[in-house]
Amino acid sequence: MASRSDSDGSSDGWTSLRELVDAYNTDNGATLPEVRKEFERTRKAKILEEYYAPKNTYVGAVLVEESYRWWVLRRKRYRFKLRYDASDGDPRIGELLRSAHRQERKWSFLLNKRSQKILEQITYTLIVYLLGFLCPQKHHIWPNVSTRTKLDQAVASARKEMKYILSFARDSARCRSLVYPLRRCI
């Protein structure tokens, strides 16, 4: 049985990303708007971007803006939710997807709102790119190049992008750690 990787963590009473992907795959997406509204309502989040792979692959990703309360302040944070079948495709792609998710969790609380949004959007773009290689329908795009060569190029490109994401997050966190205390003194 294929293991499912679902970072959505559905709980009782919450609409999960699995339900969004299922709604996309059934009835030509006719029920998707209702499920999307329920997802946003139960999670107190707004879907900014969404990606669903071609039909019957059950792969999807959404970028959301979550609202939460911290003491008396209302805060917003940006997160992406990811669903894919870990047994499909190359293990290097699965490792890169997990690495991107780890980086997002590691740096999200250290960055200010603007930097966090940029980090999430860059990471989300990389994830959508990688999810495209998990879908079997996408492998006919370059007929003259072997699938292994395409995959090697995609993995090399994604690793380079991950280094850029890491350096962006590190520099933004450094900048915030230097600027934030100075703003409080002024």
N, C-alpha and C. Protein backbone atom coordinates (compact mmCIF):
# COMPACT_ATOMS: atom_id res chain seq x y z
N MET A 1 0.84 -1.18 0.00
CA MET A 1 0.00 0.00 0.00
C MET A 1 0.89 1.23 0.00
N ALA A 2 0.51 2.21 -0.79
CA ALA A 2 1.31 3.43 -0.92
C ALA A 2 1.14 4.28 0.33
N SER A 3 2.26 4.81 0.80
CA SER A 3 2.18 5.71 1.94
C SER A 3 1.77 7.09 1.47
N ARG A 4 0.93 7.73 2.21
CA ARG A 4 0.45 9.06 1.85
C ARG A 4 1.16 10.09 2.71
N SER A 5 1.65 11.13 2.08
CA SER A 5 2.24 12.25 2.79
C SER A 5 1.25 13.39 2.72
N ASP A 6 0.72 13.79 3.84
CA ASP A 6 -0.29 14.83 3.88
C ASP A 6 0.06 15.74 5.04
N SER A 7 0.61 16.91 4.74
CA SER A 7 1.00 17.84 5.80
C SER A 7 -0.17 18.66 6.28
N ASP A 8 -1.36 18.25 5.87
CA ASP A 8 -2.54 19.03 6.18
C ASP A 8 -3.05 18.75 7.59
N GLY A 9 -2.86 17.55 8.10
CA GLY A 9 -3.24 17.24 9.46
C GLY A 9 -4.70 17.49 9.76
N SER A 10 -5.60 16.85 9.04
CA SER A 10 -7.01 17.12 9.25
C SER A 10 -7.44 16.61 10.61
N SER A 11 -8.32 17.37 11.26
CA SER A 11 -8.85 17.03 12.56
C SER A 11 -10.36 16.95 12.45
N ASP A 12 -11.02 16.57 13.51
CA ASP A 12 -12.47 16.52 13.51
C ASP A 12 -13.03 17.91 13.26
N GLY A 13 -13.96 17.99 12.31
CA GLY A 13 -14.62 19.25 12.02
C GLY A 13 -13.86 20.16 11.08
N TRP A 14 -12.67 19.78 10.64
CA TRP A 14 -11.89 20.61 9.74
C TRP A 14 -11.93 20.01 8.35
N THR A 15 -12.02 20.86 7.36
CA THR A 15 -11.91 20.40 5.98
C THR A 15 -10.43 20.28 5.66
N SER A 16 -10.04 19.15 5.09
CA SER A 16 -8.62 18.91 4.85
C SER A 16 -8.27 19.14 3.38
N LEU A 17 -6.99 19.18 3.13
CA LEU A 17 -6.50 19.30 1.75
C LEU A 17 -6.89 18.07 0.94
N ARG A 18 -6.96 16.93 1.59
CA ARG A 18 -7.40 15.71 0.90
C ARG A 18 -8.80 15.91 0.32
N GLU A 19 -9.68 16.55 1.06
CA GLU A 19 -11.04 16.80 0.56
C GLU A 19 -11.03 17.79 -0.59
N LEU A 20 -10.13 18.77 -0.56
CA LEU A 20 -10.00 19.70 -1.69
C LEU A 20 -9.55 18.96 -2.96
N VAL A 21 -8.56 18.11 -2.82
CA VAL A 21 -8.05 17.37 -3.97
C VAL A 21 -9.12 16.41 -4.49
N ASP A 22 -9.84 15.75 -3.58
CA ASP A 22 -10.92 14.86 -4.00
C ASP A 22 -12.01 15.62 -4.73
N ALA A 23 -12.35 16.82 -4.25
CA ALA A 23 -13.36 17.64 -4.92
C ALA A 23 -12.90 18.06 -6.31
N TYR A 24 -11.62 18.32 -6.47
CA TYR A 24 -11.08 18.67 -7.77
C TYR A 24 -11.17 17.49 -8.74
N ASN A 25 -10.91 16.30 -8.23
CA ASN A 25 -10.88 15.11 -9.08
C ASN A 25 -12.25 14.52 -9.38
N THR A 26 -13.28 14.89 -8.65
CA THR A 26 -14.61 14.33 -8.90
C THR A 26 -15.50 15.38 -9.57
N ASP A 27 -16.35 14.93 -10.44
CA ASP A 27 -17.35 15.77 -11.11
C ASP A 27 -16.74 16.98 -11.80
N ASN A 28 -15.56 16.83 -12.37
CA ASN A 28 -14.87 17.92 -13.07
C ASN A 28 -14.72 19.18 -12.20
N GLY A 29 -14.56 18.98 -10.91
CA GLY A 29 -14.35 20.11 -10.00
C GLY A 29 -15.60 20.90 -9.69
N ALA A 30 -16.77 20.32 -9.90
CA ALA A 30 -18.02 21.05 -9.67
C ALA A 30 -18.22 21.39 -8.19
N THR A 31 -17.76 20.53 -7.29
CA THR A 31 -17.94 20.78 -5.86
C THR A 31 -16.76 21.53 -5.24
N LEU A 32 -15.76 21.84 -6.04
CA LEU A 32 -14.56 22.49 -5.51
C LEU A 32 -14.84 23.84 -4.85
N PRO A 33 -15.65 24.74 -5.42
CA PRO A 33 -15.89 26.03 -4.74
C PRO A 33 -16.51 25.89 -3.35
N GLU A 34 -17.44 24.95 -3.18
CA GLU A 34 -18.04 24.77 -1.86
C GLU A 34 -17.04 24.21 -0.86
N VAL A 35 -16.23 23.25 -1.30
CA VAL A 35 -15.22 22.66 -0.41
C VAL A 35 -14.16 23.70 -0.08
N ARG A 36 -13.79 24.55 -1.04
CA ARG A 36 -12.82 25.62 -0.80
C ARG A 36 -13.34 26.59 0.26
N LYS A 37 -14.61 26.99 0.14
CA LYS A 37 -15.19 27.90 1.14
C LYS A 37 -15.22 27.27 2.52
N GLU A 38 -15.54 25.98 2.58
CA GLU A 38 -15.56 25.27 3.87
C GLU A 38 -14.14 25.16 4.44
N PHE A 39 -13.17 24.91 3.60
CA PHE A 39 -11.77 24.85 4.03
C PHE A 39 -11.35 26.18 4.63
N GLU A 40 -11.66 27.28 3.95
CA GLU A 40 -11.30 28.61 4.45
C GLU A 40 -12.04 28.95 5.75
N ARG A 41 -13.30 28.55 5.84
CA ARG A 41 -14.08 28.87 7.04
C ARG A 41 -13.58 28.09 8.25
N THR A 42 -13.36 26.78 8.10
CA THR A 42 -12.97 25.97 9.25
C THR A 42 -11.55 26.25 9.71
N ARG A 43 -10.69 26.65 8.81
CA ARG A 43 -9.30 26.91 9.17
C ARG A 43 -9.00 28.37 9.43
N LYS A 44 -9.99 29.22 9.25
CA LYS A 44 -9.81 30.67 9.40
C LYS A 44 -8.62 31.13 8.57
N ALA A 45 -8.63 30.70 7.32
CA ALA A 45 -7.53 30.97 6.41
C ALA A 45 -8.09 31.37 5.06
N LYS A 46 -7.29 32.08 4.32
CA LYS A 46 -7.65 32.48 2.96
C LYS A 46 -6.69 31.80 2.00
N ILE A 47 -7.23 31.10 1.00
CA ILE A 47 -6.38 30.43 0.01
C ILE A 47 -5.88 31.49 -0.96
N LEU A 48 -4.56 31.66 -1.01
CA LEU A 48 -3.96 32.63 -1.92
C LEU A 48 -3.66 32.01 -3.27
N GLU A 49 -3.11 30.82 -3.27
CA GLU A 49 -2.79 30.11 -4.51
C GLU A 49 -3.07 28.64 -4.28
N GLU A 50 -3.43 27.96 -5.37
CA GLU A 50 -3.69 26.53 -5.27
C GLU A 50 -3.23 25.82 -6.53
N TYR A 51 -2.78 24.60 -6.35
CA TYR A 51 -2.33 23.79 -7.47
C TYR A 51 -2.87 22.38 -7.27
N TYR A 52 -3.51 21.86 -8.29
CA TYR A 52 -3.96 20.48 -8.30
C TYR A 52 -3.40 19.84 -9.56
N ALA A 53 -2.82 18.67 -9.39
CA ALA A 53 -2.23 17.97 -10.53
C ALA A 53 -3.34 17.46 -11.44
N PRO A 54 -2.96 17.02 -12.64
CA PRO A 54 -3.98 16.48 -13.55
C PRO A 54 -4.83 15.40 -12.89
N LYS A 55 -5.97 15.18 -13.46
CA LYS A 55 -6.99 14.30 -12.87
C LYS A 55 -6.43 12.96 -12.42
N ASN A 56 -6.99 12.47 -11.31
CA ASN A 56 -6.74 11.14 -10.75
C ASN A 56 -5.31 10.92 -10.29
N THR A 57 -4.58 11.97 -9.96
CA THR A 57 -3.25 11.79 -9.40
C THR A 57 -3.24 12.10 -7.90
N TYR A 58 -4.24 12.80 -7.40
CA TYR A 58 -4.38 13.12 -5.98
C TYR A 58 -3.15 13.82 -5.42
N VAL A 59 -2.68 14.78 -6.18
CA VAL A 59 -1.55 15.62 -5.77
C VAL A 59 -2.05 17.05 -5.72
N GLY A 60 -1.72 17.75 -4.65
CA GLY A 60 -2.15 19.13 -4.56
C GLY A 60 -1.34 19.93 -3.56
N ALA A 61 -1.40 21.24 -3.72
CA ALA A 61 -0.73 22.15 -2.80
C ALA A 61 -1.52 23.45 -2.78
N VAL A 62 -1.63 24.05 -1.61
CA VAL A 62 -2.27 25.36 -1.49
C VAL A 62 -1.40 26.25 -0.62
N LEU A 63 -1.40 27.53 -0.94
CA LEU A 63 -0.72 28.54 -0.14
C LEU A 63 -1.82 29.32 0.57
N VAL A 64 -1.79 29.34 1.89
CA VAL A 64 -2.86 29.99 2.65
C VAL A 64 -2.30 31.08 3.55
N GLU A 65 -3.17 32.02 3.87
CA GLU A 65 -2.89 33.06 4.85
C GLU A 65 -3.77 32.77 6.05
N GLU A 66 -3.15 32.34 7.15
CA GLU A 66 -3.90 31.96 8.34
C GLU A 66 -3.99 33.14 9.29
N SER A 67 -5.13 33.28 9.94
CA SER A 67 -5.31 34.31 10.96
C SER A 67 -5.31 33.62 12.32
N TYR A 68 -4.64 34.22 13.27
CA TYR A 68 -4.64 33.68 14.62
C TYR A 68 -4.48 34.83 15.61
N ARG A 69 -4.76 34.54 16.86
CA ARG A 69 -4.64 35.54 17.91
C ARG A 69 -3.42 35.21 18.77
N TRP A 70 -2.66 36.24 19.05
CA TRP A 70 -1.53 36.11 19.96
C TRP A 70 -1.74 37.16 21.04
N TRP A 71 -2.08 36.70 22.18
CA TRP A 71 -2.50 37.54 23.30
C TRP A 71 -3.70 38.36 22.84
N VAL A 72 -3.57 39.66 22.71
CA VAL A 72 -4.70 40.47 22.26
C VAL A 72 -4.53 40.91 20.81
N LEU A 73 -3.43 40.57 20.20
CA LEU A 73 -3.16 41.00 18.83
C LEU A 73 -3.65 39.97 17.83
N ARG A 74 -4.14 40.45 16.71
CA ARG A 74 -4.49 39.56 15.60
C ARG A 74 -3.28 39.48 14.67
N ARG A 75 -2.89 38.28 14.36
CA ARG A 75 -1.72 38.05 13.51
C ARG A 75 -2.12 37.24 12.29
N LYS A 76 -1.29 37.32 11.27
CA LYS A 76 -1.46 36.51 10.07
C LYS A 76 -0.13 35.86 9.76
N ARG A 77 -0.21 34.65 9.28
CA ARG A 77 1.00 33.96 8.84
C ARG A 77 0.68 33.22 7.56
N TYR A 78 1.72 32.96 6.81
CA TYR A 78 1.58 32.30 5.52
C TYR A 78 2.11 30.89 5.64
N ARG A 79 1.33 29.94 5.15
CA ARG A 79 1.72 28.53 5.20
C ARG A 79 1.32 27.88 3.89
N PHE A 80 2.00 26.82 3.56
CA PHE A 80 1.52 26.02 2.44
C PHE A 80 1.16 24.64 2.96
N LYS A 81 0.14 24.09 2.37
CA LYS A 81 -0.31 22.74 2.67
C LYS A 81 0.00 21.89 1.46
N LEU A 82 0.45 20.69 1.68
CA LEU A 82 0.99 19.86 0.62
C LEU A 82 0.42 18.46 0.72
N ARG A 83 0.04 17.87 -0.42
CA ARG A 83 -0.44 16.49 -0.47
C ARG A 83 0.14 15.81 -1.70
N TYR A 84 0.78 14.68 -1.48
CA TYR A 84 1.33 13.89 -2.59
C TYR A 84 1.51 12.46 -2.12
N ASP A 85 1.67 11.57 -3.08
CA ASP A 85 1.90 10.18 -2.78
C ASP A 85 3.42 9.95 -2.80
N ALA A 86 3.98 9.60 -1.67
CA ALA A 86 5.43 9.47 -1.56
C ALA A 86 5.99 8.31 -2.38
N SER A 87 5.15 7.37 -2.74
CA SER A 87 5.64 6.22 -3.52
C SER A 87 5.70 6.53 -5.01
N ASP A 88 5.07 7.62 -5.44
CA ASP A 88 5.14 8.01 -6.85
C ASP A 88 6.42 8.79 -7.10
N GLY A 89 7.06 8.52 -8.20
CA GLY A 89 8.20 9.32 -8.59
C GLY A 89 9.49 8.97 -7.88
N ASP A 90 10.46 9.79 -8.14
CA ASP A 90 11.82 9.61 -7.64
C ASP A 90 11.90 9.98 -6.16
N PRO A 91 12.64 9.23 -5.36
CA PRO A 91 12.78 9.58 -3.94
C PRO A 91 13.48 10.92 -3.71
N ARG A 92 14.29 11.37 -4.69
CA ARG A 92 14.96 12.66 -4.53
C ARG A 92 13.94 13.79 -4.51
N ILE A 93 12.86 13.64 -5.28
CA ILE A 93 11.83 14.67 -5.28
C ILE A 93 11.11 14.69 -3.94
N GLY A 94 10.81 13.51 -3.40
CA GLY A 94 10.20 13.44 -2.07
C GLY A 94 11.08 14.07 -1.01
N GLU A 95 12.40 13.83 -1.12
CA GLU A 95 13.34 14.42 -0.15
C GLU A 95 13.38 15.93 -0.28
N LEU A 96 13.34 16.45 -1.50
CA LEU A 96 13.33 17.90 -1.71
C LEU A 96 12.04 18.54 -1.20
N LEU A 97 10.91 17.85 -1.39
CA LEU A 97 9.64 18.37 -0.87
C LEU A 97 9.66 18.43 0.65
N ARG A 98 10.16 17.38 1.28
CA ARG A 98 10.25 17.38 2.74
C ARG A 98 11.24 18.43 3.23
N SER A 99 12.33 18.61 2.51
CA SER A 99 13.32 19.63 2.88
C SER A 99 12.72 21.03 2.79
N ALA A 100 11.95 21.29 1.74
CA ALA A 100 11.30 22.59 1.60
C ALA A 100 10.32 22.83 2.74
N HIS A 101 9.61 21.78 3.12
CA HIS A 101 8.66 21.91 4.23
C HIS A 101 9.38 22.18 5.54
N ARG A 102 10.51 21.51 5.76
CA ARG A 102 11.31 21.75 6.97
C ARG A 102 11.82 23.18 7.02
N GLN A 103 12.32 23.68 5.88
CA GLN A 103 12.83 25.05 5.83
C GLN A 103 11.73 26.06 6.15
N GLU A 104 10.54 25.80 5.61
CA GLU A 104 9.41 26.70 5.87
C GLU A 104 9.09 26.73 7.36
N ARG A 105 9.04 25.58 7.99
CA ARG A 105 8.73 25.53 9.42
C ARG A 105 9.86 26.15 10.26
N LYS A 106 11.08 25.94 9.85
CA LYS A 106 12.23 26.43 10.61
C LYS A 106 12.30 27.96 10.62
N TRP A 107 12.07 28.58 9.46
CA TRP A 107 12.31 30.02 9.35
C TRP A 107 11.06 30.87 9.51
N SER A 108 9.88 30.29 9.47
CA SER A 108 8.67 31.12 9.42
C SER A 108 8.49 31.97 10.68
N PHE A 109 8.84 31.48 11.84
CA PHE A 109 8.62 32.27 13.05
C PHE A 109 9.70 33.32 13.28
N LEU A 110 10.82 33.24 12.58
CA LEU A 110 11.89 34.21 12.75
C LEU A 110 11.75 35.44 11.85
N LEU A 111 10.90 35.34 10.83
CA LEU A 111 10.82 36.40 9.83
C LEU A 111 9.63 37.31 10.08
N ASN A 112 9.75 38.55 9.61
CA ASN A 112 8.61 39.45 9.68
C ASN A 112 7.60 39.06 8.60
N LYS A 113 6.47 39.73 8.59
CA LYS A 113 5.36 39.33 7.72
C LYS A 113 5.75 39.36 6.24
N ARG A 114 6.38 40.43 5.82
CA ARG A 114 6.73 40.58 4.39
C ARG A 114 7.74 39.52 3.96
N SER A 115 8.78 39.32 4.75
CA SER A 115 9.79 38.31 4.42
C SER A 115 9.20 36.91 4.44
N GLN A 116 8.32 36.66 5.40
CA GLN A 116 7.70 35.35 5.48
C GLN A 116 6.84 35.09 4.25
N LYS A 117 6.11 36.11 3.79
CA LYS A 117 5.28 35.94 2.61
C LYS A 117 6.13 35.65 1.37
N ILE A 118 7.24 36.37 1.23
CA ILE A 118 8.14 36.13 0.10
C ILE A 118 8.73 34.73 0.17
N LEU A 119 9.17 34.32 1.36
CA LEU A 119 9.72 32.98 1.54
C LEU A 119 8.69 31.92 1.17
N GLU A 120 7.46 32.08 1.62
CA GLU A 120 6.41 31.10 1.34
C GLU A 120 6.10 31.05 -0.15
N GLN A 121 6.08 32.19 -0.81
CA GLN A 121 5.77 32.19 -2.24
C GLN A 121 6.89 31.54 -3.06
N ILE A 122 8.13 31.82 -2.70
CA ILE A 122 9.26 31.19 -3.41
C ILE A 122 9.23 29.68 -3.19
N THR A 123 9.01 29.27 -1.95
CA THR A 123 8.97 27.84 -1.63
C THR A 123 7.78 27.16 -2.31
N TYR A 124 6.64 27.84 -2.32
CA TYR A 124 5.46 27.28 -2.97
C TYR A 124 5.70 27.08 -4.47
N THR A 125 6.35 28.03 -5.11
CA THR A 125 6.66 27.91 -6.53
C THR A 125 7.56 26.70 -6.78
N LEU A 126 8.56 26.51 -5.93
CA LEU A 126 9.44 25.35 -6.05
C LEU A 126 8.66 24.06 -5.86
N ILE A 127 7.76 24.04 -4.91
CA ILE A 127 6.98 22.83 -4.64
C ILE A 127 6.07 22.48 -5.82
N VAL A 128 5.43 23.47 -6.39
CA VAL A 128 4.57 23.22 -7.56
C VAL A 128 5.42 22.67 -8.72
N TYR A 129 6.60 23.21 -8.89
CA TYR A 129 7.51 22.72 -9.93
C TYR A 129 7.85 21.25 -9.69
N LEU A 130 8.17 20.90 -8.45
CA LEU A 130 8.52 19.52 -8.14
C LEU A 130 7.32 18.58 -8.22
N LEU A 131 6.16 19.05 -7.81
CA LEU A 131 4.97 18.21 -7.90
C LEU A 131 4.62 17.86 -9.35
N GLY A 132 4.98 18.74 -10.26
CA GLY A 132 4.75 18.45 -11.67
C GLY A 132 5.51 17.23 -12.15
N PHE A 133 6.63 16.91 -11.51
CA PHE A 133 7.41 15.73 -11.91
C PHE A 133 6.89 14.46 -11.27
N LEU A 134 5.97 14.57 -10.32
CA LEU A 134 5.36 13.38 -9.74
C LEU A 134 4.20 12.87 -10.59
N CYS A 135 3.71 13.70 -11.48
CA CYS A 135 2.54 13.35 -12.28
C CYS A 135 2.98 12.65 -13.56
N PRO A 136 2.47 11.47 -13.84
CA PRO A 136 2.91 10.75 -15.03
C PRO A 136 2.53 11.44 -16.33
N GLN A 137 1.50 12.27 -16.35
CA GLN A 137 1.10 12.94 -17.58
C GLN A 137 2.10 13.99 -18.02
N LYS A 138 2.92 14.48 -17.12
CA LYS A 138 3.85 15.55 -17.45
C LYS A 138 5.10 15.06 -18.16
N HIS A 139 5.37 13.76 -18.19
CA HIS A 139 6.63 13.26 -18.71
C HIS A 139 6.69 13.23 -20.24
N HIS A 140 5.65 13.63 -20.92
CA HIS A 140 5.69 13.65 -22.38
C HIS A 140 5.96 15.04 -22.94
N ILE A 141 6.33 16.00 -22.10
CA ILE A 141 6.54 17.37 -22.54
C ILE A 141 7.77 17.49 -23.43
N TRP A 142 8.88 16.86 -23.04
CA TRP A 142 10.11 16.92 -23.82
C TRP A 142 10.36 15.55 -24.43
N PRO A 143 9.85 15.26 -25.63
CA PRO A 143 9.98 13.91 -26.16
C PRO A 143 11.40 13.51 -26.54
N ASN A 144 12.29 14.45 -26.81
CA ASN A 144 13.65 14.12 -27.24
C ASN A 144 14.61 13.88 -26.09
N VAL A 145 14.23 14.24 -24.91
CA VAL A 145 15.11 14.11 -23.75
C VAL A 145 14.58 12.98 -22.88
N SER A 146 15.47 12.14 -22.40
CA SER A 146 15.03 11.01 -21.58
C SER A 146 14.46 11.51 -20.25
N THR A 147 13.59 10.70 -19.68
CA THR A 147 12.96 11.06 -18.41
C THR A 147 14.00 11.20 -17.31
N ARG A 148 15.01 10.34 -17.31
CA ARG A 148 16.06 10.40 -16.29
C ARG A 148 16.84 11.71 -16.39
N THR A 149 17.14 12.15 -17.60
CA THR A 149 17.87 13.41 -17.78
C THR A 149 17.03 14.59 -17.31
N LYS A 150 15.74 14.59 -17.65
CA LYS A 150 14.85 15.65 -17.19
C LYS A 150 14.80 15.70 -15.67
N LEU A 151 14.68 14.52 -15.08
CA LEU A 151 14.59 14.44 -13.62
C LEU A 151 15.88 14.90 -12.96
N ASP A 152 17.03 14.52 -13.52
CA ASP A 152 18.31 14.96 -12.98
C ASP A 152 18.44 16.49 -13.06
N GLN A 153 18.01 17.05 -14.18
CA GLN A 153 18.06 18.51 -14.34
C GLN A 153 17.12 19.20 -13.36
N ALA A 154 15.94 18.63 -13.17
CA ALA A 154 14.97 19.23 -12.24
C ALA A 154 15.48 19.17 -10.81
N VAL A 155 16.07 18.06 -10.42
CA VAL A 155 16.60 17.92 -9.05
C VAL A 155 17.76 18.88 -8.83
N ALA A 156 18.65 19.00 -9.81
CA ALA A 156 19.78 19.93 -9.68
C ALA A 156 19.27 21.37 -9.57
N SER A 157 18.30 21.72 -10.39
CA SER A 157 17.72 23.06 -10.34
C SER A 157 17.04 23.32 -9.00
N ALA A 158 16.31 22.34 -8.50
CA ALA A 158 15.61 22.50 -7.23
C ALA A 158 16.60 22.62 -6.07
N ARG A 159 17.69 21.89 -6.12
CA ARG A 159 18.69 22.01 -5.05
C ARG A 159 19.34 23.40 -5.05
N LYS A 160 19.57 23.92 -6.24
CA LYS A 160 20.12 25.28 -6.34
C LYS A 160 19.12 26.29 -5.78
N GLU A 161 17.85 26.09 -6.09
CA GLU A 161 16.80 26.99 -5.58
C GLU A 161 16.68 26.87 -4.05
N MET A 162 16.84 25.66 -3.52
CA MET A 162 16.79 25.48 -2.06
C MET A 162 17.93 26.24 -1.38
N LYS A 163 19.11 26.27 -2.01
CA LYS A 163 20.22 27.05 -1.44
C LYS A 163 19.87 28.53 -1.43
N TYR A 164 19.23 29.00 -2.50
CA TYR A 164 18.81 30.40 -2.56
C TYR A 164 17.77 30.70 -1.47
N ILE A 165 16.82 29.80 -1.30
CA ILE A 165 15.78 29.99 -0.27
C ILE A 165 16.42 30.05 1.11
N LEU A 166 17.36 29.17 1.37
CA LEU A 166 18.04 29.16 2.66
C LEU A 166 18.81 30.45 2.89
N SER A 167 19.53 30.93 1.87
CA SER A 167 20.28 32.18 2.05
C SER A 167 19.35 33.37 2.22
N PHE A 168 18.21 33.39 1.49
CA PHE A 168 17.24 34.47 1.66
C PHE A 168 16.67 34.47 3.08
N ALA A 169 16.31 33.30 3.58
CA ALA A 169 15.73 33.20 4.92
C ALA A 169 16.76 33.61 5.97
N ARG A 170 17.99 33.16 5.82
CA ARG A 170 19.05 33.49 6.78
C ARG A 170 19.32 35.00 6.79
N ASP A 171 19.41 35.60 5.60
CA ASP A 171 19.66 37.04 5.52
C ASP A 171 18.49 37.85 6.07
N SER A 172 17.28 37.43 5.80
CA SER A 172 16.11 38.14 6.31
C SER A 172 16.02 38.04 7.83
N ALA A 173 16.34 36.87 8.38
CA ALA A 173 16.33 36.71 9.83
C ALA A 173 17.41 37.55 10.48
N ARG A 174 18.59 37.62 9.86
CA ARG A 174 19.66 38.47 10.38
C ARG A 174 19.26 39.93 10.37
N CYS A 175 18.66 40.34 9.27
CA CYS A 175 18.22 41.73 9.15
C CYS A 175 17.19 42.06 10.22
N ARG A 176 16.26 41.16 10.44
CA ARG A 176 15.23 41.42 11.45
C ARG A 176 15.84 41.44 12.84
N SER A 177 16.80 40.57 13.10
CA SER A 177 17.40 40.54 14.43
C SER A 177 18.21 41.81 14.71
N LEU A 178 18.70 42.46 13.66
CA LEU A 178 19.44 43.71 13.85
C LEU A 178 18.53 44.93 13.86
N VAL A 179 17.49 44.92 13.04
CA VAL A 179 16.64 46.10 12.90
C VAL A 179 15.59 46.18 13.99
N TYR A 180 15.00 45.06 14.38
CA TYR A 180 13.90 45.10 15.33
C TYR A 180 14.27 45.71 16.68
N PRO A 181 15.41 45.35 17.29
CA PRO A 181 15.76 46.01 18.56
C PRO A 181 16.00 47.52 18.40
N LEU A 182 16.54 47.94 17.26
CA LEU A 182 16.77 49.36 17.04
C LEU A 182 15.46 50.14 16.94
N ARG A 183 14.44 49.52 16.33
CA ARG A 183 13.14 50.18 16.22
C ARG A 183 12.51 50.39 17.59
N ARG A 184 12.74 49.51 18.49
CA ARG A 184 12.16 49.63 19.83
C ARG A 184 12.85 50.73 20.63
N CYS A 185 14.09 51.03 20.29
CA CYS A 185 14.84 52.06 21.04
C CYS A 185 14.50 53.46 20.56
N ILE A 186 14.05 53.58 19.35
CA ILE A 186 13.83 54.92 18.78
C ILE A 186 12.53 55.50 19.24
